């Protein structure tokens, strides 16, 4: 029982320290959501961003992944009301193939919702199933955990503003063909 208590104390103290570290506004800014467990409305083709331009891509550092992950910084949008951040990510395989995804990440519930995908050429096409899924810290899904923990959320629970997210990402490396693994 003692290890569980110790773990909870660490989590609570790190949450308080994260707000101070990122100098975000108070948690009272959070807007409660009605029917938080309800399924989202499917996103139509009209609501999709453009295929990402390489000049807008910033590389994420993901441990133990066979792919290189990028975020399209021009696609980032944050909603305090929904407590989510929407963005486009690009995964590049060791052989150079691209997988592009447009997703929403929920800071409070640590889950994601896939909206659309594309291959190396584009354009983005809506997923048939756009339901919520848990964010896992395994394999090629690890990038979502890194995004939530390091860039998108305040205090591990509240969506940060677009400006704060871009500020946190300012030191990420821009896309380069040389970053591809051979």
N, C-alpha and C. Protein backbone atom coordinates (compact mmCIF):
# COMPACT_ATOMS: atom_id res chain seq x y z
N UNK A 1 0.81 -1.19 0.00
CA UNK A 1 0.00 0.00 0.00
C UNK A 1 0.86 1.26 0.00
N UNK A 2 2.03 1.20 0.66
CA UNK A 2 2.90 2.38 0.74
C UNK A 2 3.41 2.82 -0.64
N UNK A 3 3.80 1.89 -1.55
CA UNK A 3 4.26 2.34 -2.87
C UNK A 3 3.17 3.10 -3.63
N UNK A 4 1.91 2.70 -3.51
CA UNK A 4 0.83 3.39 -4.18
C UNK A 4 0.67 4.81 -3.64
N UNK A 5 0.74 4.98 -2.34
CA UNK A 5 0.64 6.29 -1.73
C UNK A 5 1.79 7.18 -2.19
N UNK A 6 2.99 6.62 -2.22
CA UNK A 6 4.17 7.36 -2.68
C UNK A 6 3.99 7.81 -4.13
N UNK A 7 3.50 6.91 -4.97
CA UNK A 7 3.27 7.23 -6.38
C UNK A 7 2.26 8.37 -6.54
N UNK A 8 1.17 8.31 -5.79
CA UNK A 8 0.15 9.36 -5.86
C UNK A 8 0.72 10.71 -5.43
N UNK A 9 1.54 10.71 -4.40
CA UNK A 9 2.15 11.96 -3.96
C UNK A 9 3.06 12.54 -5.03
N UNK A 10 3.81 11.70 -5.71
CA UNK A 10 4.69 12.15 -6.78
C UNK A 10 3.87 12.75 -7.92
N UNK A 11 2.82 12.07 -8.32
CA UNK A 11 1.98 12.56 -9.42
C UNK A 11 1.36 13.91 -9.06
N UNK A 12 0.83 14.03 -7.86
CA UNK A 12 0.21 15.28 -7.45
C UNK A 12 1.23 16.42 -7.38
N UNK A 13 2.40 16.16 -6.85
CA UNK A 13 3.40 17.22 -6.74
C UNK A 13 3.93 17.61 -8.11
N UNK A 14 4.09 16.65 -9.02
CA UNK A 14 4.57 16.99 -10.36
C UNK A 14 3.53 17.80 -11.12
N UNK A 15 2.26 17.55 -10.88
CA UNK A 15 1.20 18.33 -11.53
C UNK A 15 1.28 19.78 -11.08
N UNK A 16 1.46 20.01 -9.81
CA UNK A 16 1.57 21.38 -9.30
C UNK A 16 2.83 22.05 -9.83
N UNK A 17 3.93 21.32 -9.89
CA UNK A 17 5.18 21.88 -10.38
C UNK A 17 5.11 22.18 -11.86
N UNK A 18 4.36 21.39 -12.63
CA UNK A 18 4.27 21.60 -14.08
C UNK A 18 3.63 22.95 -14.38
N UNK A 19 2.58 23.32 -13.64
CA UNK A 19 1.96 24.62 -13.86
C UNK A 19 2.95 25.74 -13.60
N UNK A 20 3.75 25.62 -12.53
CA UNK A 20 4.73 26.64 -12.23
C UNK A 20 5.84 26.65 -13.28
N UNK A 21 6.26 25.49 -13.73
CA UNK A 21 7.32 25.38 -14.70
C UNK A 21 6.95 26.03 -16.02
N UNK A 22 5.73 25.78 -16.50
CA UNK A 22 5.30 26.33 -17.78
C UNK A 22 4.68 27.71 -17.65
N UNK A 23 4.56 28.22 -16.40
CA UNK A 23 4.04 29.56 -16.15
C UNK A 23 2.68 29.76 -16.81
N UNK A 24 1.81 28.78 -16.71
CA UNK A 24 0.48 28.89 -17.28
C UNK A 24 -0.46 29.54 -16.28
N UNK A 25 -1.62 29.95 -16.79
CA UNK A 25 -2.62 30.56 -15.93
C UNK A 25 -3.23 29.52 -15.01
N UNK A 26 -3.97 29.96 -14.06
CA UNK A 26 -4.54 29.07 -13.04
C UNK A 26 -5.48 28.04 -13.66
N UNK A 27 -5.63 26.92 -12.97
CA UNK A 27 -6.49 25.86 -13.47
C UNK A 27 -7.95 26.27 -13.51
N UNK A 28 -8.31 27.36 -12.87
CA UNK A 28 -9.70 27.82 -12.90
C UNK A 28 -10.12 28.25 -14.29
N UNK A 29 -9.18 28.37 -15.23
CA UNK A 29 -9.51 28.70 -16.61
C UNK A 29 -10.22 27.56 -17.32
N UNK A 30 -10.15 26.38 -16.76
CA UNK A 30 -10.76 25.21 -17.40
C UNK A 30 -12.27 25.35 -17.45
N UNK A 31 -12.83 25.06 -18.60
CA UNK A 31 -14.28 25.11 -18.77
C UNK A 31 -14.80 23.68 -18.75
N UNK A 32 -15.70 23.39 -17.83
CA UNK A 32 -16.27 22.05 -17.74
C UNK A 32 -17.02 21.70 -19.03
N UNK A 33 -16.89 20.47 -19.46
CA UNK A 33 -17.57 20.01 -20.66
C UNK A 33 -18.81 19.22 -20.28
N UNK A 34 -19.89 19.45 -21.00
CA UNK A 34 -21.10 18.66 -20.80
C UNK A 34 -20.96 17.38 -21.60
N UNK A 35 -21.50 16.30 -21.07
CA UNK A 35 -21.48 15.00 -21.74
C UNK A 35 -20.07 14.66 -22.21
N UNK A 36 -19.10 14.73 -21.32
CA UNK A 36 -17.70 14.50 -21.68
C UNK A 36 -17.44 13.12 -22.27
N UNK A 37 -18.27 12.16 -21.94
CA UNK A 37 -18.04 10.82 -22.46
C UNK A 37 -18.78 10.57 -23.76
N UNK A 38 -19.52 11.55 -24.26
CA UNK A 38 -20.28 11.35 -25.49
C UNK A 38 -19.34 11.24 -26.68
N UNK A 39 -19.79 10.55 -27.68
CA UNK A 39 -18.99 10.37 -28.88
C UNK A 39 -18.96 11.66 -29.70
N UNK A 40 -17.82 12.00 -30.28
CA UNK A 40 -17.71 13.21 -31.07
C UNK A 40 -18.44 13.09 -32.40
N UNK A 41 -18.78 14.23 -32.97
CA UNK A 41 -19.39 14.23 -34.30
C UNK A 41 -18.29 13.99 -35.32
N UNK A 42 -18.54 13.11 -36.32
CA UNK A 42 -17.52 12.87 -37.34
C UNK A 42 -17.16 14.15 -38.08
N UNK A 43 -15.88 14.30 -38.37
CA UNK A 43 -15.38 15.46 -39.07
C UNK A 43 -15.48 15.22 -40.57
N UNK A 44 -16.12 16.12 -41.27
CA UNK A 44 -16.28 15.99 -42.71
C UNK A 44 -15.07 16.49 -43.47
N UNK A 45 -15.08 16.31 -44.75
CA UNK A 45 -13.97 16.70 -45.62
C UNK A 45 -13.74 18.20 -45.59
N UNK A 46 -14.80 18.99 -45.32
CA UNK A 46 -14.66 20.45 -45.29
C UNK A 46 -13.86 20.93 -44.10
N UNK A 47 -13.82 20.14 -43.01
CA UNK A 47 -13.11 20.56 -41.81
C UNK A 47 -11.67 20.11 -41.74
N UNK A 48 -11.15 19.53 -42.81
CA UNK A 48 -9.79 18.98 -42.78
C UNK A 48 -8.76 20.01 -43.21
N UNK A 49 -7.59 19.99 -42.57
CA UNK A 49 -6.51 20.89 -43.00
C UNK A 49 -5.89 20.40 -44.31
N UNK A 50 -5.07 21.23 -44.89
CA UNK A 50 -4.33 20.87 -46.10
C UNK A 50 -3.23 19.86 -45.78
N UNK A 51 -2.78 19.15 -46.79
CA UNK A 51 -1.64 18.25 -46.63
C UNK A 51 -0.45 19.10 -46.15
N UNK A 52 0.33 18.61 -45.16
CA UNK A 52 1.37 19.45 -44.56
C UNK A 52 2.51 19.80 -45.52
N UNK A 53 2.97 21.01 -45.38
CA UNK A 53 4.13 21.51 -46.12
C UNK A 53 5.37 21.20 -45.27
N UNK A 54 6.42 20.69 -45.87
CA UNK A 54 7.63 20.31 -45.14
C UNK A 54 8.24 21.46 -44.34
N UNK A 55 8.05 22.70 -44.78
CA UNK A 55 8.63 23.84 -44.06
C UNK A 55 7.96 24.07 -42.70
N UNK A 56 6.77 23.50 -42.49
CA UNK A 56 6.05 23.65 -41.22
C UNK A 56 6.27 22.48 -40.26
N UNK A 57 7.06 21.49 -40.66
CA UNK A 57 7.26 20.30 -39.83
C UNK A 57 8.38 20.50 -38.82
N UNK A 58 8.12 20.03 -37.57
CA UNK A 58 9.11 20.05 -36.50
C UNK A 58 9.23 18.65 -35.93
N UNK A 59 10.47 18.19 -35.76
CA UNK A 59 10.75 16.82 -35.35
C UNK A 59 10.57 16.61 -33.86
N UNK A 60 9.83 15.55 -33.51
CA UNK A 60 9.68 15.13 -32.12
C UNK A 60 10.76 14.11 -31.80
N UNK A 61 11.25 14.12 -30.58
CA UNK A 61 12.23 13.12 -30.14
C UNK A 61 11.47 12.00 -29.43
N UNK A 62 11.33 10.88 -30.11
CA UNK A 62 10.57 9.75 -29.59
C UNK A 62 11.53 8.60 -29.36
N UNK A 63 11.58 8.12 -28.13
CA UNK A 63 12.48 7.02 -27.80
C UNK A 63 11.92 5.69 -28.31
N UNK A 64 12.80 4.81 -28.66
CA UNK A 64 12.46 3.45 -29.07
C UNK A 64 11.37 3.38 -30.13
N UNK A 65 11.53 4.16 -31.18
CA UNK A 65 10.57 4.14 -32.28
C UNK A 65 11.32 3.88 -33.58
N UNK A 66 10.72 3.11 -34.44
CA UNK A 66 11.35 2.83 -35.73
C UNK A 66 11.08 3.96 -36.72
N UNK A 67 10.20 4.88 -36.39
CA UNK A 67 9.84 5.97 -37.28
C UNK A 67 10.30 7.30 -36.72
N UNK A 68 10.38 8.30 -37.60
CA UNK A 68 10.66 9.67 -37.18
C UNK A 68 9.33 10.42 -37.24
N UNK A 69 9.01 11.14 -36.18
CA UNK A 69 7.73 11.84 -36.09
C UNK A 69 7.92 13.34 -36.14
N UNK A 70 7.01 13.99 -36.86
CA UNK A 70 7.00 15.44 -36.99
C UNK A 70 5.61 15.97 -36.67
N UNK A 71 5.57 17.24 -36.26
CA UNK A 71 4.32 17.96 -36.04
C UNK A 71 4.27 19.09 -37.06
N UNK A 72 3.11 19.27 -37.69
CA UNK A 72 2.89 20.40 -38.58
C UNK A 72 2.43 21.56 -37.70
N UNK A 73 3.34 22.49 -37.41
CA UNK A 73 3.02 23.56 -36.46
C UNK A 73 1.93 24.50 -36.99
N UNK A 74 1.74 24.56 -38.31
CA UNK A 74 0.69 25.44 -38.85
C UNK A 74 -0.71 24.87 -38.60
N UNK A 75 -0.81 23.59 -38.28
CA UNK A 75 -2.11 22.93 -38.12
C UNK A 75 -2.62 22.95 -36.69
N UNK A 76 -1.82 23.41 -35.73
CA UNK A 76 -2.17 23.31 -34.31
C UNK A 76 -3.32 24.27 -33.97
N UNK A 77 -4.35 23.70 -33.35
CA UNK A 77 -5.43 24.53 -32.80
C UNK A 77 -5.80 23.98 -31.43
N UNK A 78 -6.09 24.88 -30.51
CA UNK A 78 -6.40 24.50 -29.14
C UNK A 78 -7.78 25.01 -28.76
N UNK A 79 -8.53 24.19 -28.04
CA UNK A 79 -9.87 24.57 -27.60
C UNK A 79 -9.97 24.41 -26.09
N UNK A 80 -10.09 25.53 -25.39
CA UNK A 80 -10.26 25.47 -23.94
C UNK A 80 -11.61 24.83 -23.61
N UNK A 81 -12.62 25.14 -24.41
CA UNK A 81 -13.97 24.62 -24.16
C UNK A 81 -14.01 23.09 -24.24
N UNK A 82 -13.36 22.53 -25.25
CA UNK A 82 -13.33 21.07 -25.43
C UNK A 82 -12.16 20.42 -24.69
N UNK A 83 -11.20 21.24 -24.24
CA UNK A 83 -9.99 20.76 -23.56
C UNK A 83 -9.17 19.84 -24.47
N UNK A 84 -9.17 20.17 -25.77
CA UNK A 84 -8.45 19.36 -26.75
C UNK A 84 -7.54 20.23 -27.60
N UNK A 85 -6.56 19.57 -28.22
CA UNK A 85 -5.68 20.20 -29.19
C UNK A 85 -5.75 19.35 -30.45
N UNK A 86 -5.94 20.01 -31.59
CA UNK A 86 -5.96 19.32 -32.88
C UNK A 86 -4.69 19.67 -33.64
N UNK A 87 -4.15 18.66 -34.32
CA UNK A 87 -2.92 18.90 -35.08
C UNK A 87 -2.69 17.79 -36.09
N UNK A 88 -1.78 18.07 -37.01
CA UNK A 88 -1.36 17.10 -38.02
C UNK A 88 0.02 16.60 -37.65
N UNK A 89 0.20 15.28 -37.69
CA UNK A 89 1.51 14.68 -37.46
C UNK A 89 1.92 13.90 -38.70
N UNK A 90 3.22 13.75 -38.87
CA UNK A 90 3.77 13.00 -39.99
C UNK A 90 4.75 11.98 -39.42
N UNK A 91 4.55 10.72 -39.76
CA UNK A 91 5.48 9.65 -39.38
C UNK A 91 6.21 9.21 -40.64
N UNK A 92 7.53 9.17 -40.56
CA UNK A 92 8.33 8.74 -41.71
C UNK A 92 9.05 7.45 -41.34
N UNK A 93 8.81 6.42 -42.14
CA UNK A 93 9.39 5.11 -41.88
C UNK A 93 10.88 5.12 -42.20
N UNK A 94 11.61 4.09 -41.78
CA UNK A 94 13.04 4.01 -42.10
C UNK A 94 13.31 4.00 -43.61
N UNK A 95 12.29 3.65 -44.40
CA UNK A 95 12.45 3.58 -45.86
C UNK A 95 11.92 4.83 -46.55
N UNK A 96 11.44 5.81 -45.77
CA UNK A 96 11.00 7.08 -46.35
C UNK A 96 9.50 7.21 -46.61
N UNK A 97 8.72 6.17 -46.35
CA UNK A 97 7.27 6.27 -46.55
C UNK A 97 6.66 7.14 -45.47
N UNK A 98 5.68 7.95 -45.85
CA UNK A 98 5.02 8.86 -44.91
C UNK A 98 3.62 8.40 -44.58
N UNK A 99 3.26 8.61 -43.33
CA UNK A 99 1.88 8.46 -42.88
C UNK A 99 1.52 9.76 -42.18
N UNK A 100 0.50 10.42 -42.69
CA UNK A 100 0.05 11.69 -42.14
C UNK A 100 -1.24 11.45 -41.39
N UNK A 101 -1.37 12.05 -40.21
CA UNK A 101 -2.59 11.89 -39.41
C UNK A 101 -3.04 13.24 -38.88
N UNK A 102 -4.35 13.47 -38.93
CA UNK A 102 -4.95 14.65 -38.30
C UNK A 102 -5.74 14.11 -37.13
N UNK A 103 -5.38 14.57 -35.91
CA UNK A 103 -5.95 14.02 -34.69
C UNK A 103 -6.29 15.11 -33.69
N UNK A 104 -7.17 14.75 -32.78
CA UNK A 104 -7.45 15.58 -31.61
C UNK A 104 -6.95 14.85 -30.39
N UNK A 105 -6.27 15.56 -29.49
CA UNK A 105 -5.78 14.96 -28.25
C UNK A 105 -6.47 15.65 -27.08
N UNK A 106 -7.05 14.85 -26.20
CA UNK A 106 -7.79 15.32 -25.04
C UNK A 106 -6.87 15.31 -23.83
N UNK A 107 -6.58 16.48 -23.30
CA UNK A 107 -5.63 16.59 -22.18
C UNK A 107 -6.18 15.99 -20.89
N UNK A 108 -7.45 16.18 -20.62
CA UNK A 108 -8.02 15.71 -19.36
C UNK A 108 -8.14 14.21 -19.27
N UNK A 109 -8.56 13.58 -20.35
CA UNK A 109 -8.76 12.13 -20.34
C UNK A 109 -7.60 11.36 -20.96
N UNK A 110 -6.58 12.09 -21.46
CA UNK A 110 -5.41 11.46 -22.08
C UNK A 110 -5.84 10.44 -23.13
N UNK A 111 -6.59 10.92 -24.09
CA UNK A 111 -7.08 10.08 -25.18
C UNK A 111 -6.94 10.87 -26.47
N UNK A 112 -7.09 10.16 -27.59
CA UNK A 112 -7.01 10.84 -28.88
C UNK A 112 -8.16 10.39 -29.76
N UNK A 113 -8.43 11.24 -30.74
CA UNK A 113 -9.49 10.97 -31.70
C UNK A 113 -8.92 11.15 -33.10
N UNK A 114 -8.84 10.08 -33.89
CA UNK A 114 -8.33 10.23 -35.26
C UNK A 114 -9.41 10.84 -36.16
N UNK A 115 -9.05 11.86 -36.90
CA UNK A 115 -9.99 12.50 -37.82
C UNK A 115 -9.74 12.09 -39.26
N UNK A 116 -8.45 12.12 -39.67
CA UNK A 116 -8.13 11.87 -41.08
C UNK A 116 -6.71 11.35 -41.21
N UNK A 117 -6.42 10.81 -42.40
CA UNK A 117 -5.09 10.25 -42.67
C UNK A 117 -4.75 10.48 -44.13
N UNK A 118 -3.47 10.30 -44.45
CA UNK A 118 -2.99 10.36 -45.83
C UNK A 118 -1.69 9.60 -45.91
N UNK A 119 -1.35 9.23 -47.12
CA UNK A 119 -0.06 8.59 -47.38
C UNK A 119 0.96 9.64 -47.78
N UNK A 120 1.93 9.23 -48.58
CA UNK A 120 3.01 10.12 -48.98
C UNK A 120 2.57 11.25 -49.91
N UNK A 121 1.47 11.08 -50.59
CA UNK A 121 1.05 12.08 -51.56
C UNK A 121 -0.10 12.97 -51.10
N UNK A 122 -0.98 12.47 -50.22
CA UNK A 122 -2.14 13.25 -49.80
C UNK A 122 -3.27 13.07 -50.80
N UNK A 123 -4.37 13.68 -50.67
CA UNK A 123 -4.81 14.59 -49.62
C UNK A 123 -5.30 13.81 -48.40
N UNK A 124 -5.63 14.53 -47.34
CA UNK A 124 -6.18 13.91 -46.14
C UNK A 124 -7.58 13.39 -46.43
N UNK A 125 -7.86 12.17 -45.91
CA UNK A 125 -9.17 11.54 -46.08
C UNK A 125 -9.72 11.21 -44.70
N UNK A 126 -11.00 11.47 -44.45
CA UNK A 126 -11.56 11.21 -43.12
C UNK A 126 -11.55 9.72 -42.77
N UNK A 127 -11.30 9.41 -41.51
CA UNK A 127 -11.45 8.05 -41.01
C UNK A 127 -12.93 7.75 -40.88
N UNK A 128 -13.31 6.52 -41.13
CA UNK A 128 -14.71 6.12 -40.93
C UNK A 128 -15.04 6.09 -39.44
N UNK A 129 -14.11 5.58 -38.62
CA UNK A 129 -14.32 5.51 -37.17
C UNK A 129 -13.50 6.61 -36.51
N UNK A 130 -14.19 7.63 -36.00
CA UNK A 130 -13.51 8.75 -35.38
C UNK A 130 -13.73 8.79 -33.87
N UNK A 131 -13.90 7.65 -33.25
CA UNK A 131 -14.14 7.60 -31.81
C UNK A 131 -12.88 7.81 -31.00
N UNK A 132 -13.07 8.06 -29.70
CA UNK A 132 -11.95 8.28 -28.79
C UNK A 132 -11.23 6.97 -28.49
N UNK A 133 -9.90 7.07 -28.36
CA UNK A 133 -9.04 5.92 -28.04
C UNK A 133 -8.04 6.35 -26.99
N UNK A 134 -7.59 5.43 -26.13
CA UNK A 134 -6.61 5.81 -25.10
C UNK A 134 -5.23 6.08 -25.70
N UNK A 135 -4.52 7.02 -25.12
CA UNK A 135 -3.14 7.29 -25.50
C UNK A 135 -2.27 6.27 -24.79
N UNK A 136 -1.46 5.57 -25.56
CA UNK A 136 -0.58 4.55 -24.98
C UNK A 136 0.88 4.98 -25.12
N UNK A 137 1.72 4.45 -24.27
CA UNK A 137 3.14 4.76 -24.30
C UNK A 137 3.91 3.55 -24.83
N UNK A 138 3.54 3.12 -26.02
CA UNK A 138 4.17 1.95 -26.62
C UNK A 138 4.40 2.18 -28.11
N UNK A 139 5.46 1.63 -28.61
CA UNK A 139 5.76 1.55 -30.02
C UNK A 139 5.55 2.88 -30.73
N UNK A 140 4.88 2.83 -31.88
CA UNK A 140 4.70 4.03 -32.69
C UNK A 140 3.54 4.90 -32.22
N UNK A 141 2.85 4.53 -31.14
CA UNK A 141 1.84 5.40 -30.54
C UNK A 141 2.42 6.30 -29.47
N UNK A 142 3.70 6.12 -29.18
CA UNK A 142 4.37 6.87 -28.11
C UNK A 142 4.39 8.38 -28.38
N UNK A 143 4.36 8.80 -29.64
CA UNK A 143 4.45 10.22 -29.94
C UNK A 143 3.29 11.01 -29.34
N UNK A 144 2.12 10.40 -29.23
CA UNK A 144 0.97 11.09 -28.62
C UNK A 144 1.23 11.38 -27.14
N UNK A 145 1.83 10.43 -26.47
CA UNK A 145 2.16 10.61 -25.05
C UNK A 145 3.17 11.74 -24.89
N UNK A 146 4.18 11.78 -25.76
CA UNK A 146 5.17 12.85 -25.72
C UNK A 146 4.50 14.20 -25.97
N UNK A 147 3.60 14.26 -26.94
CA UNK A 147 2.90 15.51 -27.23
C UNK A 147 2.12 15.99 -26.01
N UNK A 148 1.33 15.10 -25.42
CA UNK A 148 0.51 15.48 -24.26
C UNK A 148 1.38 15.89 -23.08
N UNK A 149 2.39 15.10 -22.77
CA UNK A 149 3.23 15.36 -21.59
C UNK A 149 4.15 16.56 -21.74
N UNK A 150 4.65 16.82 -22.94
CA UNK A 150 5.69 17.83 -23.09
C UNK A 150 5.26 19.12 -23.78
N UNK A 151 4.19 19.10 -24.56
CA UNK A 151 3.88 20.27 -25.37
C UNK A 151 2.44 20.79 -25.30
N UNK A 152 1.46 19.91 -25.26
CA UNK A 152 0.08 20.33 -25.48
C UNK A 152 -0.71 20.69 -24.24
N UNK A 153 -0.38 20.10 -23.11
CA UNK A 153 -1.26 20.22 -21.94
C UNK A 153 -0.58 20.95 -20.79
N UNK A 154 -1.38 21.71 -20.05
CA UNK A 154 -0.93 22.40 -18.85
C UNK A 154 -1.22 21.50 -17.67
N UNK A 155 -0.25 21.30 -16.82
CA UNK A 155 -0.48 20.52 -15.61
C UNK A 155 -1.01 19.13 -15.90
N UNK A 156 -0.72 18.59 -17.07
CA UNK A 156 -1.14 17.25 -17.48
C UNK A 156 -2.66 17.09 -17.52
N UNK A 157 -3.41 18.19 -17.50
CA UNK A 157 -4.86 18.06 -17.48
C UNK A 157 -5.59 19.08 -18.34
N UNK A 158 -4.99 20.22 -18.66
CA UNK A 158 -5.69 21.28 -19.36
C UNK A 158 -4.97 21.63 -20.65
N UNK A 159 -5.73 21.84 -21.71
CA UNK A 159 -5.14 22.19 -23.00
C UNK A 159 -4.49 23.56 -22.93
N UNK A 160 -3.25 23.64 -23.34
CA UNK A 160 -2.54 24.92 -23.39
C UNK A 160 -3.01 25.70 -24.62
N UNK A 161 -2.75 26.98 -24.62
CA UNK A 161 -3.12 27.81 -25.77
C UNK A 161 -2.19 27.49 -26.94
N UNK A 162 -2.62 27.83 -28.14
CA UNK A 162 -1.79 27.62 -29.34
C UNK A 162 -0.45 28.34 -29.17
N UNK A 163 -0.48 29.55 -28.65
CA UNK A 163 0.75 30.33 -28.48
C UNK A 163 1.71 29.64 -27.51
N UNK A 164 1.20 29.10 -26.42
CA UNK A 164 2.04 28.41 -25.44
C UNK A 164 2.63 27.13 -26.06
N UNK A 165 1.82 26.41 -26.82
CA UNK A 165 2.30 25.19 -27.48
C UNK A 165 3.43 25.52 -28.45
N UNK A 166 3.24 26.55 -29.28
CA UNK A 166 4.28 26.95 -30.23
C UNK A 166 5.54 27.40 -29.51
N UNK A 167 5.38 28.07 -28.38
CA UNK A 167 6.53 28.48 -27.59
C UNK A 167 7.30 27.26 -27.08
N UNK A 168 6.60 26.26 -26.62
CA UNK A 168 7.25 25.03 -26.13
C UNK A 168 7.95 24.27 -27.25
N UNK A 169 7.45 24.40 -28.49
CA UNK A 169 8.01 23.67 -29.63
C UNK A 169 9.10 24.45 -30.36
N UNK A 170 9.42 25.64 -29.90
CA UNK A 170 10.34 26.51 -30.64
C UNK A 170 11.72 25.89 -30.85
N UNK A 171 12.16 24.98 -30.00
CA UNK A 171 13.49 24.39 -30.13
C UNK A 171 13.50 23.06 -30.89
N UNK A 172 12.35 22.63 -31.38
CA UNK A 172 12.31 21.40 -32.17
C UNK A 172 12.95 21.64 -33.53
N UNK A 173 13.68 20.65 -34.02
CA UNK A 173 14.37 20.77 -35.30
C UNK A 173 13.38 20.79 -36.46
N UNK A 174 13.61 21.67 -37.45
CA UNK A 174 12.77 21.65 -38.65
C UNK A 174 13.06 20.40 -39.48
N UNK A 175 12.13 20.08 -40.36
CA UNK A 175 12.27 18.91 -41.23
C UNK A 175 13.51 19.06 -42.12
N UNK A 176 14.17 17.95 -42.32
CA UNK A 176 15.29 17.88 -43.24
C UNK A 176 15.37 16.46 -43.78
N UNK A 177 15.66 16.33 -45.07
CA UNK A 177 15.83 14.99 -45.64
C UNK A 177 16.96 14.25 -44.96
N UNK A 178 17.90 14.96 -44.37
CA UNK A 178 19.05 14.34 -43.73
C UNK A 178 18.69 13.68 -42.41
N UNK A 179 17.53 14.01 -41.82
CA UNK A 179 17.15 13.40 -40.55
C UNK A 179 16.57 12.01 -40.76
N UNK A 180 16.31 11.65 -42.00
CA UNK A 180 15.78 10.33 -42.29
C UNK A 180 16.81 9.25 -41.99
N UNK A 181 16.37 8.16 -41.41
CA UNK A 181 17.29 7.04 -41.14
C UNK A 181 17.47 6.19 -42.38
N UNK A 182 18.67 5.71 -42.59
CA UNK A 182 18.91 4.84 -43.76
C UNK A 182 19.04 3.40 -43.36
